[in-house]
C-alpha atoms as a PDB file:
ATOM      1  CA  MET A   1      24.878 -26.141   1.022  1.00  0.00           C
ATOM      2  CA  ALA A   2      22.223 -24.015   2.197  1.00  0.00           C
ATOM      3  CA  LYS A   3      19.625 -23.041  -0.531  1.00  0.00           C
ATOM      4  CA  LYS A   4      19.415 -19.055  -0.057  1.00  0.00           C
ATOM      5  CA  ARG A   5      16.734 -17.609   0.415  1.00  0.00           C
ATOM      6  CA  SER A   6      15.457 -14.810  -1.895  1.00  0.00           C
ATOM      7  CA  ALA A   7      14.871 -11.134  -1.230  1.00  0.00           C
ATOM      8  CA  LEU A   8      11.368 -11.336  -1.594  1.00  0.00           C
ATOM      9  CA  SER A   9      10.588 -14.388   0.284  1.00  0.00           C
ATOM     10  CA  ALA A  10      12.741 -12.774   3.257  1.00  0.00           C
ATOM     11  CA  ALA A  11      10.485  -9.998   2.798  1.00  0.00           C
ATOM     12  CA  VAL A  12       7.518 -11.786   2.771  1.00  0.00           C
ATOM     13  CA  ALA A  13       8.501 -13.637   6.716  1.00  0.00           C
ATOM     14  CA  LEU A  14       9.162 -10.129   7.805  1.00  0.00           C
ATOM     15  CA  GLY A  15       5.877  -8.120   6.086  1.00  0.00           C
ATOM     16  CA  LEU A  16       3.688 -11.511   7.823  1.00  0.00           C
ATOM     17  CA  LEU A  17       6.133 -10.935  11.130  1.00  0.00           C
ATOM     18  CA  ALA A  18       5.325  -7.326  11.291  1.00  0.00           C
ATOM     19  CA  LEU A  19       1.717  -8.025  10.567  1.00  0.00           C
ATOM     20  CA  LEU A  20       1.134 -10.176  14.326  1.00  0.00           C
ATOM     21  CA  PRO A  21       1.404  -6.717  16.624  1.00  0.00           C
ATOM     22  CA  PHE A  22      -1.975  -5.913  14.562  1.00  0.00           C
ATOM     23  CA  ALA A  23      -3.454  -9.011  14.879  1.00  0.00           C
ATOM     24  CA  PHE A  24      -3.130  -8.911  18.569  1.00  0.00           C
ATOM     25  CA  GLY A  25      -4.369  -5.218  18.103  1.00  0.00           C
ATOM     26  CA  VAL A  26      -7.281  -7.225  16.661  1.00  0.00           C
ATOM     27  CA  TYR A  27      -7.736  -9.716  19.409  1.00  0.00           C
ATOM     28  CA  TYR A  28      -7.243  -7.070  22.175  1.00  0.00           C
ATOM     29  CA  ALA A  29      -9.942  -4.970  20.912  1.00  0.00           C
ATOM     30  CA  HIS A  30     -12.514  -7.478  20.657  1.00  0.00           C
ATOM     31  CA  ALA A  31     -11.669  -9.271  23.357  1.00  0.00           C
ATOM     32  CA  GLY A  32     -11.703  -6.335  26.143  1.00  0.00           C
ATOM     33  CA  SER A  33     -14.114  -3.637  26.259  1.00  0.00           C
ATOM     34  CA  SER A  34     -14.133  -0.654  23.796  1.00  0.00           C
ATOM     35  CA  LEU A  35     -11.213   0.875  26.204  1.00  0.00           C
ATOM     36  CA  ASP A  36      -9.158  -1.787  25.119  1.00  0.00           C
ATOM     37  CA  ALA A  37     -10.073  -1.125  21.899  1.00  0.00           C
ATOM     38  CA  ARG A  38      -9.150   2.531  22.508  1.00  0.00           C
ATOM     39  CA  THR A  39      -5.957   1.108  23.800  1.00  0.00           C
ATOM     40  CA  ALA A  40      -5.031  -1.163  21.000  1.00  0.00           C
ATOM     41  CA  LEU A  41      -5.201   1.884  18.561  1.00  0.00           C
ATOM     42  CA  ARG A  42      -3.232   4.128  20.587  1.00  0.00           C
ATOM     43  CA  TRP A  43      -0.060   1.423  20.562  1.00  0.00           C
ATOM     44  CA  LEU A  44      -0.823   0.424  17.141  1.00  0.00           C
ATOM     45  CA  LEU A  45      -0.747   3.885  15.280  1.00  0.00           C
ATOM     46  CA  PRO A  46       2.548   4.915  16.096  1.00  0.00           C
ATOM     47  CA  TYR A  47       4.140   1.798  15.297  1.00  0.00           C
ATOM     48  CA  LEU A  48       1.561   2.441  11.996  1.00  0.00           C
ATOM     49  CA  ALA A  49       3.126   5.595  11.306  1.00  0.00           C
ATOM     50  CA  THR A  50       7.000   4.012  11.616  1.00  0.00           C
ATOM     51  CA  ILE A  51       6.129   1.661   8.894  1.00  0.00           C
ATOM     52  CA  VAL A  52       4.936   4.185   6.608  1.00  0.00           C
ATOM     53  CA  ALA A  53       8.075   5.982   7.193  1.00  0.00           C
ATOM     54  CA  PHE A  54      10.376   2.943   7.222  1.00  0.00           C
ATOM     55  CA  ILE A  55       8.222   2.173   3.358  1.00  0.00           C
ATOM     56  CA  GLY A  56       9.390   5.895   2.257  1.00  0.00           C
ATOM     57  CA  GLY A  57      13.413   4.468   2.903  1.00  0.00           C
ATOM     58  CA  VAL A  58      12.633   1.297   0.738  1.00  0.00           C
ATOM     59  CA  GLN A  59      10.775   3.884  -2.304  1.00  0.00           C
ATOM     60  CA  TRP A  60      14.230   5.797  -2.028  1.00  0.00           C
ATOM     61  CA  GLY A  61      16.772   2.612  -1.700  1.00  0.00           C
ATOM     62  CA  ARG A  62      14.609   0.973  -4.412  1.00  0.00           C
ATOM     63  CA  MET A  63      15.319   3.908  -6.814  1.00  0.00           C
ATOM     64  CA  LEU A  64      18.364   5.193  -6.030  1.00  0.00           C
ATOM     65  CA  SER A  65      19.677   1.237  -6.473  1.00  0.00           C
ATOM     66  CA  ARG A  66      18.026   0.937  -9.651  1.00  0.00           C
ATOM     67  CA  GLY A  67      19.924   4.376 -10.496  1.00  0.00           C
ATOM     68  CA  GLN A  68      16.027   5.763 -11.409  1.00  0.00           C
ATOM     69  CA  ALA A  69      15.955   8.055  -8.246  1.00  0.00           C
ATOM     70  CA  ALA A  70      13.559  11.130 -10.631  1.00  0.00           C
ATOM     71  CA  GLY A  71      13.259  14.250  -7.900  1.00  0.00           C
ATOM     72  CA  ARG A  72       9.427  14.230  -8.152  1.00  0.00           C
ATOM     73  CA  ASP A  73       9.394  10.063  -6.895  1.00  0.00           C
ATOM     74  CA  MET A  74      11.677  11.062  -4.146  1.00  0.00           C
ATOM     75  CA  THR A  75       9.356  13.847  -3.129  1.00  0.00           C
ATOM     76  CA  LEU A  76       6.543  11.695  -3.174  1.00  0.00           C
ATOM     77  CA  ALA A  77       8.113   8.414  -1.189  1.00  0.00           C
ATOM     78  CA  VAL A  78       8.449  11.302   0.957  1.00  0.00           C
ATOM     79  CA  LEU A  79       4.870  12.651   2.173  1.00  0.00           C
ATOM     80  CA  PRO A  80       3.286   9.542   3.596  1.00  0.00           C
ATOM     81  CA  ALA A  81       6.093   9.875   6.367  1.00  0.00           C
ATOM     82  CA  ILE A  82       5.001  13.429   6.200  1.00  0.00           C
ATOM     83  CA  VAL A  83       1.409  12.997   6.743  1.00  0.00           C
ATOM     84  CA  ALA A  84       1.751  10.173   9.407  1.00  0.00           C
ATOM     85  CA  TRP A  85       4.012  12.759  11.585  1.00  0.00           C
ATOM     86  CA  GLY A  86       1.635  14.677  11.584  1.00  0.00           C
ATOM     87  CA  ALA A  87      -1.441  12.207  12.047  1.00  0.00           C
ATOM     88  CA  LEU A  88       0.209  11.879  15.068  1.00  0.00           C
ATOM     89  CA  LEU A  89      -0.079  15.166  16.111  1.00  0.00           C
ATOM     90  CA  THR A  90      -3.669  15.656  15.937  1.00  0.00           C
ATOM     91  CA  ALA A  91      -6.708  13.553  18.086  1.00  0.00           C
ATOM     92  CA  ALA A  92      -8.877  10.475  17.315  1.00  0.00           C
ATOM     93  CA  PRO A  93     -10.695  10.022  14.671  1.00  0.00           C
ATOM     94  CA  TRP A  94      -8.020  11.974  12.911  1.00  0.00           C
ATOM     95  CA  ARG A  95      -4.909  10.258  13.681  1.00  0.00           C
ATOM     96  CA  GLY A  96      -6.367   6.928  12.815  1.00  0.00           C
ATOM     97  CA  LEU A  97      -7.818   8.498   9.416  1.00  0.00           C
ATOM     98  CA  LEU A  98      -5.065  10.381   8.323  1.00  0.00           C
ATOM     99  CA  LEU A  99      -2.270   7.413   9.203  1.00  0.00           C
ATOM    100  CA  VAL A 100      -4.490   4.340   7.095  1.00  0.00           C
ATOM    101  CA  ALA A 101      -4.316   7.152   4.536  1.00  0.00           C
ATOM    102  CA  ALA A 102      -0.297   8.089   4.650  1.00  0.00           C
ATOM    103  CA  LEU A 103      -0.967   3.728   4.708  1.00  0.00           C
ATOM    104  CA  VAL A 104      -2.361   3.439   1.597  1.00  0.00           C
ATOM    105  CA  ALA A 105      -0.844   6.994  -0.640  1.00  0.00           C
ATOM    106  CA  ALA A 106       2.935   4.810   0.127  1.00  0.00           C
ATOM    107  CA  TRP A 107       0.948   2.086  -1.666  1.00  0.00           C
ATOM    108  CA  LEU A 108       0.024   4.326  -4.409  1.00  0.00           C
ATOM    109  CA  ILE A 109       3.762   5.300  -5.074  1.00  0.00           C
ATOM    110  CA  ASP A 110       4.967   1.690  -5.080  1.00  0.00           C
ATOM    111  CA  GLU A 111       2.040   0.964  -7.933  1.00  0.00           C
ATOM    112  CA  HIS A 112       3.645   4.300 -10.107  1.00  0.00           C
ATOM    113  CA  GLY A 113       7.246   2.411  -9.244  1.00  0.00           C
ATOM    114  CA  ALA A 114       6.244  -0.411 -10.777  1.00  0.00           C
ATOM    115  CA  ARG A 115       5.343   1.588 -13.858  1.00  0.00           C
ATOM    116  CA  GLN A 116       8.578   3.665 -13.425  1.00  0.00           C
ATOM    117  CA  GLY A 117      10.523   0.208 -13.414  1.00  0.00           C
ATOM    118  CA  TRP A 118      12.062   1.237  -9.593  1.00  0.00           C
ATOM    119  CA  GLN A 119       9.570  -1.344  -8.159  1.00  0.00           C
ATOM    120  CA  THR A 120       9.213  -4.248  -8.726  1.00  0.00           C
ATOM    121  CA  ARG A 121       6.256  -6.472  -9.397  1.00  0.00           C
ATOM    122  CA  GLY A 122       6.724  -9.615  -6.474  1.00  0.00           C
ATOM    123  CA  PHE A 123       7.069  -6.607  -3.786  1.00  0.00           C
ATOM    124  CA  LEU A 124       4.049  -4.972  -5.092  1.00  0.00           C
ATOM    125  CA  GLN A 125       1.879  -7.912  -4.876  1.00  0.00           C
ATOM    126  CA  LEU A 126       2.811  -8.184  -1.153  1.00  0.00           C
ATOM    127  CA  ARG A 127       2.805  -4.433  -0.512  1.00  0.00           C
ATOM    128  CA  ARG A 128      -0.755  -4.941  -1.611  1.00  0.00           C
ATOM    129  CA  LEU A 129      -1.607  -7.302   0.831  1.00  0.00           C
ATOM    130  CA  LEU A 130       0.091  -5.923   3.773  1.00  0.00           C
ATOM    131  CA  THR A 131      -1.818  -2.462   3.054  1.00  0.00           C
ATOM    132  CA  LEU A 132      -4.927  -4.383   2.944  1.00  0.00           C
ATOM    133  CA  VAL A 133      -4.637  -6.448   5.975  1.00  0.00           C
ATOM    134  CA  VAL A 134      -3.072  -3.389   8.115  1.00  0.00           C
ATOM    135  CA  THR A 135      -6.682  -1.350   6.607  1.00  0.00           C
ATOM    136  CA  ALA A 136      -8.343  -3.938   7.940  1.00  0.00           C
ATOM    137  CA  CYS A 137      -7.363  -4.022  11.686  1.00  0.00           C
ATOM    138  CA  VAL A 138      -6.984  -0.550  11.897  1.00  0.00           C
ATOM    139  CA  ALA A 139     -10.792  -0.646  10.717  1.00  0.00           C
ATOM    140  CA  THR A 140     -11.679  -3.598  12.707  1.00  0.00           C
ATOM    141  CA  ILE A 141     -10.940  -1.754  16.083  1.00  0.00           C
ATOM    142  CA  ALA A 142     -11.878   0.964  14.945  1.00  0.00           C
ATOM    143  CA  TRP A 143     -14.725  -0.184  14.129  1.00  0.00           C
ATOM    144  CA  ARG A 144     -15.025  -1.187  18.080  1.00  0.00           C
ATOM    145  CA  VAL A 145     -14.247   1.920  19.453  1.00  0.00           C
ATOM    146  CA  MET A 146     -17.317   3.662  17.718  1.00  0.00           C
ATOM    147  CA  ARG A 147     -18.968   0.767  18.690  1.00  0.00           C
ATOM    148  CA  GLY A 148     -18.617   1.057  22.254  1.00  0.00           C
END
């Protein structure tokens, strides 16, 4: 009988897969002109907004499944998605800055969730890594745009 993969190992594999567009964006931004870097940000930032909204859903799911859905925590989990949506309505450079801020805020909410008991340590370590890599990728592409 095949060994069952744990939920965390599946999350790690899927999280790493989700990084591929960001890695491709860095490559695309640096292989071509600064116009290519702007294009990379144009298609990566809506993806980042989607990720931030997804993270909020994961946070809600964890809170509800553990029976620890405090109203304040559920509200916190929604705020990054609202900021991400608003970011999509703004112009550069605010769009990228707000989206990275929303991603970091969602990670900080996961840190809070670990202290409250609705977020696991293993998942939190994965979130730290994914947040760091995504932030570095967006910053690298933005740097290429600013350098021209």
